[in-house]
């Protein structure tokens, strides 16, 4: 199989685009897709300070590498969840990446350790507050990503969500008709109220397979295994369903998600915006000051319950 852009042997075939690329042409393709996402969605400019949420996986580390290669000012935050050997290995991957790719470009890696700051690892915290581990994990990570972005005056926070992630999330929201989540889903979520950092997803035009190939070609070492807490996740089921459809009909995931974004963009101007809605219902948490719909935010409630359970 030959590359469609040059005579070199291809390393990956991309059926949804009816093309195939060698290593260098794949690198160019992926970075172009990221640049197009940034420009089309007006995510940020070269003057903005970006905080990348990294986990040690292929998506977040690839995103950080691409932003640095494209000349953006991008630091990263790693939240150490305290999941035994898995967290130790993922943190090692992140720190090795930072040493190899980030430090030569004067980019910083910030680390938040849950066991040190919250007093217990994510498994223990989830048990103490009697919540599913993934739910507790999401609450804690979102809280600290937003907190660190604001405290260090970053203009935008970037996550490594890709096309597979977004299509699977959309499928789950549609199956349950979770309209509130549908309104908030998109690759560019502005800082609609004071206290919320702007959040962007520059990889939304790329699939997991394309990102994995890019990481391999560019020698980005990442943790391959799934988080042990994700076993039985509905998201994995939705991804599997979409992958089966994609095999039979290449481009299904792209069409599904991009058409959704087109419908969002074409909504009438008379409909109330999410920004206006957020301003009417959100207020500062009385304990930490971050935006919440209640007197106390979910993170502070969860940590209060965990502390009381430890007494």
Protein backbone atom coordinates (compact mmCIF):
# COMPACT_ATOMS: atom_id res chain seq x y z
CA UNK A 1 0.00 0.00 0.00
CA UNK A 2 1.46 3.34 -1.11
CA UNK A 3 1.09 6.75 0.47
CA UNK A 4 -1.38 8.88 -1.48
CA UNK A 5 0.85 11.97 -1.20
CA UNK A 6 4.25 10.51 -2.03
CA UNK A 7 5.76 7.28 -3.42
CA UNK A 8 6.69 6.00 0.06
CA UNK A 9 5.08 2.94 1.63
CA UNK A 10 2.03 3.85 3.74
CA UNK A 11 1.87 3.08 7.46
CA UNK A 12 -1.88 3.64 7.83
CA UNK A 13 -4.98 3.49 5.67
CA UNK A 14 -7.80 5.94 6.49
CA UNK A 15 -10.97 4.64 4.80
CA UNK A 16 -13.17 7.56 5.87
CA UNK A 17 -10.96 9.89 3.81
CA UNK A 18 -10.24 7.32 1.06
CA UNK A 19 -6.53 7.79 1.64
CA UNK A 20 -3.35 6.31 3.11
CA UNK A 21 -0.23 7.97 4.51
CA UNK A 22 3.41 7.27 5.21
CA UNK A 23 4.86 8.47 8.52
CA UNK A 24 5.84 12.04 7.53
CA UNK A 25 2.62 12.59 5.56
CA UNK A 26 0.55 11.24 8.47
CA UNK A 27 2.30 13.71 10.78
CA UNK A 28 1.46 16.55 8.40
CA UNK A 29 -2.16 15.36 8.08
CA UNK A 30 -2.73 15.09 11.85
CA UNK A 31 -1.19 18.47 12.63
CA UNK A 32 -3.20 20.07 9.82
CA UNK A 33 -6.41 18.60 11.26
CA UNK A 34 -5.56 20.04 14.67
CA UNK A 35 -4.77 23.45 13.20
CA UNK A 36 -8.04 23.36 11.27
CA UNK A 37 -9.95 22.53 14.45
CA UNK A 38 -8.27 25.38 16.32
CA UNK A 39 -8.97 27.89 13.55
CA UNK A 40 -12.51 26.77 12.67
CA UNK A 41 -13.67 26.72 16.29
CA UNK A 42 -11.60 29.78 17.29
CA UNK A 43 -10.16 27.84 20.21
CA UNK A 44 -7.10 29.98 20.95
CA UNK A 45 -4.31 32.04 19.38
CA UNK A 46 -0.49 31.76 19.53
CA UNK A 47 -0.54 34.45 22.22
CA UNK A 48 -2.77 32.46 24.58
CA UNK A 49 -1.46 30.38 27.47
CA UNK A 50 -2.79 26.81 27.25
CA UNK A 51 -3.08 24.17 29.97
CA UNK A 52 -3.30 20.61 28.63
CA UNK A 53 -4.92 17.96 30.82
CA UNK A 54 -2.64 14.90 30.50
CA UNK A 55 -3.20 11.36 31.74
CA UNK A 56 -0.27 9.43 30.28
CA UNK A 57 -2.41 8.05 27.45
CA UNK A 58 -1.86 8.51 23.72
CA UNK A 59 -4.47 11.24 23.18
CA UNK A 60 -3.41 13.76 25.80
CA UNK A 61 0.34 13.30 25.24
CA UNK A 62 -0.11 13.51 21.47
CA UNK A 63 -2.13 16.71 21.89
CA UNK A 64 0.58 18.26 24.05
CA UNK A 65 3.28 17.27 21.53
CA UNK A 66 1.32 18.70 18.59
CA UNK A 67 0.64 22.02 20.31
CA UNK A 68 4.32 22.36 21.21
CA UNK A 69 5.40 21.40 17.67
CA UNK A 70 3.03 24.01 16.24
CA UNK A 71 4.58 26.69 18.45
CA UNK A 72 1.82 27.19 21.02
CA UNK A 73 2.55 28.07 24.65
CA UNK A 74 1.28 24.88 26.27
CA UNK A 75 1.92 23.59 29.79
CA UNK A 76 0.25 20.48 31.20
CA UNK A 77 -1.44 19.25 34.37
CA UNK A 78 -1.35 15.63 35.53
CA UNK A 79 -3.71 14.53 38.30
CA UNK A 80 -2.24 11.51 40.12
CA UNK A 81 -5.29 9.45 41.11
CA UNK A 82 -3.38 7.11 43.39
CA UNK A 83 -4.50 3.91 41.60
CA UNK A 84 -1.56 1.73 42.62
CA UNK A 85 0.72 0.57 39.82
CA UNK A 86 -1.47 2.08 37.09
CA UNK A 87 -1.02 5.64 38.37
CA UNK A 88 2.69 5.04 38.93
CA UNK A 89 3.15 3.89 35.33
CA UNK A 90 1.02 6.65 33.82
CA UNK A 91 2.83 9.33 35.82
CA UNK A 92 6.16 7.90 34.69
CA UNK A 93 5.05 8.20 31.04
CA UNK A 94 3.99 11.81 31.57
CA UNK A 95 7.24 12.78 33.29
CA UNK A 96 9.34 11.06 30.62
CA UNK A 97 7.39 12.89 27.92
CA UNK A 98 7.85 16.23 29.69
CA UNK A 99 11.59 15.66 29.90
CA UNK A 100 11.88 14.68 26.24
CA UNK A 101 9.40 17.02 24.49
CA UNK A 102 8.30 19.81 26.85
CA UNK A 103 11.33 20.95 28.82
CA UNK A 104 13.43 21.68 25.69
CA UNK A 105 10.60 24.06 24.67
CA UNK A 106 10.40 25.66 28.14
CA UNK A 107 7.01 24.08 28.83
CA UNK A 108 6.03 23.04 32.36
CA UNK A 109 4.41 19.94 33.84
CA UNK A 110 2.22 20.54 36.90
CA UNK A 111 1.25 17.60 39.13
CA UNK A 112 -1.60 17.27 41.62
CA UNK A 113 -1.49 14.22 43.91
CA UNK A 114 -4.87 13.18 45.25
CA UNK A 115 -3.48 11.07 48.10
CA UNK A 116 -1.44 13.99 49.42
CA UNK A 117 -4.07 16.70 48.92
CA UNK A 118 -7.34 14.84 49.50
CA UNK A 119 -5.98 12.28 51.98
CA UNK A 120 -6.85 9.12 50.03
CA UNK A 121 -6.68 7.62 46.55
CA UNK A 122 -9.63 7.68 44.16
CA UNK A 123 -10.79 4.16 45.03
CA UNK A 124 -10.86 4.93 48.75
CA UNK A 125 -12.59 8.27 48.20
CA UNK A 126 -15.26 6.68 45.99
CA UNK A 127 -15.94 4.03 48.65
CA UNK A 128 -16.11 6.64 51.41
CA UNK A 129 -18.70 8.76 49.58
CA UNK A 130 -20.50 5.72 48.10
CA UNK A 131 -20.24 6.84 44.50
CA UNK A 132 -19.06 4.97 41.39
CA UNK A 133 -15.31 5.35 41.01
CA UNK A 134 -15.53 6.93 37.53
CA UNK A 135 -18.07 9.46 38.79
CA UNK A 136 -15.90 10.49 41.73
CA UNK A 137 -12.83 10.59 39.49
CA UNK A 138 -14.55 12.87 36.96
CA UNK A 139 -15.67 15.28 39.68
CA UNK A 140 -12.18 15.52 41.16
CA UNK A 141 -10.35 15.90 37.84
CA UNK A 142 -12.75 18.54 36.48
CA UNK A 143 -12.46 20.50 39.72
CA UNK A 144 -8.66 20.56 39.76
CA UNK A 145 -8.26 21.19 36.03
CA UNK A 146 -10.50 24.24 36.33
CA UNK A 147 -8.92 25.37 39.62
CA UNK A 148 -5.34 25.15 38.35
CA UNK A 149 -6.19 26.82 35.03
CA UNK A 150 -7.73 29.80 36.81
CA UNK A 151 -5.17 30.01 39.63
CA UNK A 152 -2.30 30.12 37.13
CA UNK A 153 -4.10 32.48 34.72
CA UNK A 154 -4.21 30.16 31.71
CA UNK A 155 -6.41 31.42 28.88
CA UNK A 156 -7.73 28.01 27.91
CA UNK A 157 -7.74 24.39 29.05
CA UNK A 158 -7.30 21.68 26.37
CA UNK A 159 -8.26 18.02 26.67
CA UNK A 160 -7.40 15.06 24.44
CA UNK A 161 -10.95 14.02 23.57
CA UNK A 162 -10.99 12.62 20.03
CA UNK A 163 -13.66 11.82 17.44
CA UNK A 164 -14.31 8.36 18.96
CA UNK A 165 -14.80 9.90 22.42
CA UNK A 166 -17.16 12.60 21.20
CA UNK A 167 -19.22 10.30 18.98
CA UNK A 168 -19.59 7.77 21.82
CA UNK A 169 -20.60 10.48 24.26
CA UNK A 170 -23.12 11.84 21.75
CA UNK A 171 -24.59 8.36 21.25
CA UNK A 172 -25.02 7.92 25.00
CA UNK A 173 -26.67 11.33 25.40
CA UNK A 174 -29.02 10.69 22.47
CA UNK A 175 -30.02 7.23 23.71
CA UNK A 176 -31.03 8.79 27.04
CA UNK A 177 -32.21 12.10 25.50
CA UNK A 178 -30.08 14.01 27.99
CA UNK A 179 -30.80 17.39 26.46
CA UNK A 180 -28.83 19.39 29.03
CA UNK A 181 -25.69 17.42 28.17
CA UNK A 182 -26.40 17.68 24.43
CA UNK A 183 -26.54 21.47 24.68
CA UNK A 184 -23.17 21.52 26.42
CA UNK A 185 -21.39 19.05 24.13
CA UNK A 186 -18.97 20.52 21.66
CA UNK A 187 -15.26 21.00 20.91
CA UNK A 188 -15.25 24.60 22.18
CA UNK A 189 -16.89 25.45 25.50
CA UNK A 190 -16.35 29.14 26.29
CA UNK A 191 -15.80 30.53 29.77
CA UNK A 192 -19.49 31.39 30.03
CA UNK A 193 -19.35 32.58 33.63
CA UNK A 194 -16.67 33.94 35.92
CA UNK A 195 -14.89 31.04 37.61
CA UNK A 196 -15.02 28.64 34.66
CA UNK A 197 -12.00 28.24 32.38
CA UNK A 198 -12.56 27.97 28.63
CA UNK A 199 -12.33 24.32 27.54
CA UNK A 200 -11.39 23.04 24.08
CA UNK A 201 -10.91 19.68 22.33
CA UNK A 202 -8.46 20.15 19.42
CA UNK A 203 -8.41 16.42 18.52
CA UNK A 204 -12.12 16.15 17.72
CA UNK A 205 -11.42 15.74 13.98
CA UNK A 206 -9.17 12.68 14.53
CA UNK A 207 -9.89 9.07 15.48
CA UNK A 208 -8.14 7.01 18.16
CA UNK A 209 -6.50 4.87 15.49
CA UNK A 210 -5.06 7.90 13.68
CA UNK A 211 -3.76 9.34 16.95
CA UNK A 212 -2.19 6.02 17.95
CA UNK A 213 -0.43 5.83 14.57
CA UNK A 214 0.84 9.41 14.98
CA UNK A 215 2.18 8.58 18.45
CA UNK A 216 4.00 5.53 17.09
CA UNK A 217 5.50 7.42 14.15
CA UNK A 218 6.66 10.28 16.39
CA UNK A 219 7.95 8.01 19.17
CA UNK A 220 5.57 9.19 21.84
CA UNK A 221 5.67 6.59 24.61
CA UNK A 222 2.32 6.27 26.39
CA UNK A 223 0.51 3.91 28.74
CA UNK A 224 -1.38 1.41 26.60
CA UNK A 225 -3.59 -0.26 29.19
CA UNK A 226 -7.04 1.13 30.03
CA UNK A 227 -7.64 2.53 33.50
CA UNK A 228 -8.68 -0.45 35.69
CA UNK A 229 -11.57 1.65 36.99
CA UNK A 230 -13.11 1.89 33.48
CA UNK A 231 -14.10 -1.79 33.33
CA UNK A 232 -17.79 -2.06 32.46
CA UNK A 233 -18.03 1.58 31.36
CA UNK A 234 -20.93 2.39 29.04
CA UNK A 235 -18.57 4.56 26.99
CA UNK A 236 -16.55 1.49 26.02
CA UNK A 237 -19.76 -0.22 24.90
CA UNK A 238 -20.80 2.78 22.79
CA UNK A 239 -17.33 2.91 21.22
CA UNK A 240 -17.53 -0.76 20.33
CA UNK A 241 -20.94 -0.28 18.68
CA UNK A 242 -19.69 2.69 16.67
CA UNK A 243 -16.54 0.82 15.64
CA UNK A 244 -18.68 -1.98 14.21
CA UNK A 245 -20.71 0.54 12.24
CA UNK A 246 -17.51 2.25 11.07
CA UNK A 247 -16.14 -1.05 9.75
CA UNK A 248 -19.25 -1.59 7.65
CA UNK A 249 -19.62 2.06 6.65
CA UNK A 250 -16.43 4.16 6.91
CA UNK A 251 -17.14 7.74 7.95
CA UNK A 252 -20.10 6.90 10.19
CA UNK A 253 -18.57 8.41 13.33
CA UNK A 254 -17.46 11.53 11.51
CA UNK A 255 -20.88 12.08 9.91
CA UNK A 256 -22.73 11.39 13.16
CA UNK A 257 -20.74 13.88 15.23
CA UNK A 258 -20.05 16.56 12.60
CA UNK A 259 -23.71 16.71 11.55
CA UNK A 260 -24.58 17.21 15.22
CA UNK A 261 -22.16 20.14 15.37
CA UNK A 262 -23.70 21.59 12.20
CA UNK A 263 -27.17 21.43 13.76
CA UNK A 264 -25.85 23.17 16.86
CA UNK A 265 -24.32 25.94 14.76
CA UNK A 266 -27.57 26.41 12.82
CA UNK A 267 -29.79 26.88 15.86
CA UNK A 268 -31.87 30.04 15.65
CA UNK A 269 -30.56 33.15 17.35
CA UNK A 270 -33.84 33.53 19.24
CA UNK A 271 -33.14 30.45 21.37
CA UNK A 272 -31.65 31.25 24.81
CA UNK A 273 -27.91 30.65 24.89
CA UNK A 274 -26.19 28.36 27.36
CA UNK A 275 -24.18 31.33 28.57
CA UNK A 276 -27.35 33.18 29.58
CA UNK A 277 -28.74 30.06 31.22
CA UNK A 278 -25.53 29.45 33.15
CA UNK A 279 -25.45 33.00 34.48
CA UNK A 280 -28.90 32.64 35.97
CA UNK A 281 -28.28 29.37 37.81
CA UNK A 282 -24.60 29.36 38.80
CA UNK A 283 -23.13 30.95 41.89
CA UNK A 284 -19.80 30.74 43.75
CA UNK A 285 -19.43 27.78 46.10
CA UNK A 286 -19.41 29.10 49.67
CA UNK A 287 -16.38 26.95 50.52
CA UNK A 288 -14.07 27.13 47.48
CA UNK A 289 -15.58 29.86 45.29
CA UNK A 290 -15.89 27.77 42.11
CA UNK A 291 -19.19 28.00 40.19
CA UNK A 292 -22.02 25.70 41.25
CA UNK A 293 -25.80 25.46 41.01
CA UNK A 294 -26.07 24.88 44.76
CA UNK A 295 -24.77 26.55 47.89
CA UNK A 296 -21.83 24.12 47.95
CA UNK A 297 -20.20 22.54 44.88
CA UNK A 298 -20.16 18.78 44.28
CA UNK A 299 -16.43 18.53 44.98
CA UNK A 300 -16.69 20.22 48.38
CA UNK A 301 -19.73 18.10 49.29
CA UNK A 302 -17.86 14.95 48.31
CA UNK A 303 -14.76 15.88 50.30
CA UNK A 304 -16.88 16.79 53.36
CA UNK A 305 -18.55 13.37 53.21
CA UNK A 306 -15.18 11.65 52.84
CA UNK A 307 -13.71 13.48 55.84
CA UNK A 308 -16.72 12.70 58.02
CA UNK A 309 -16.48 9.02 57.05
CA UNK A 310 -12.81 8.96 58.09
CA UNK A 311 -13.54 10.35 61.57
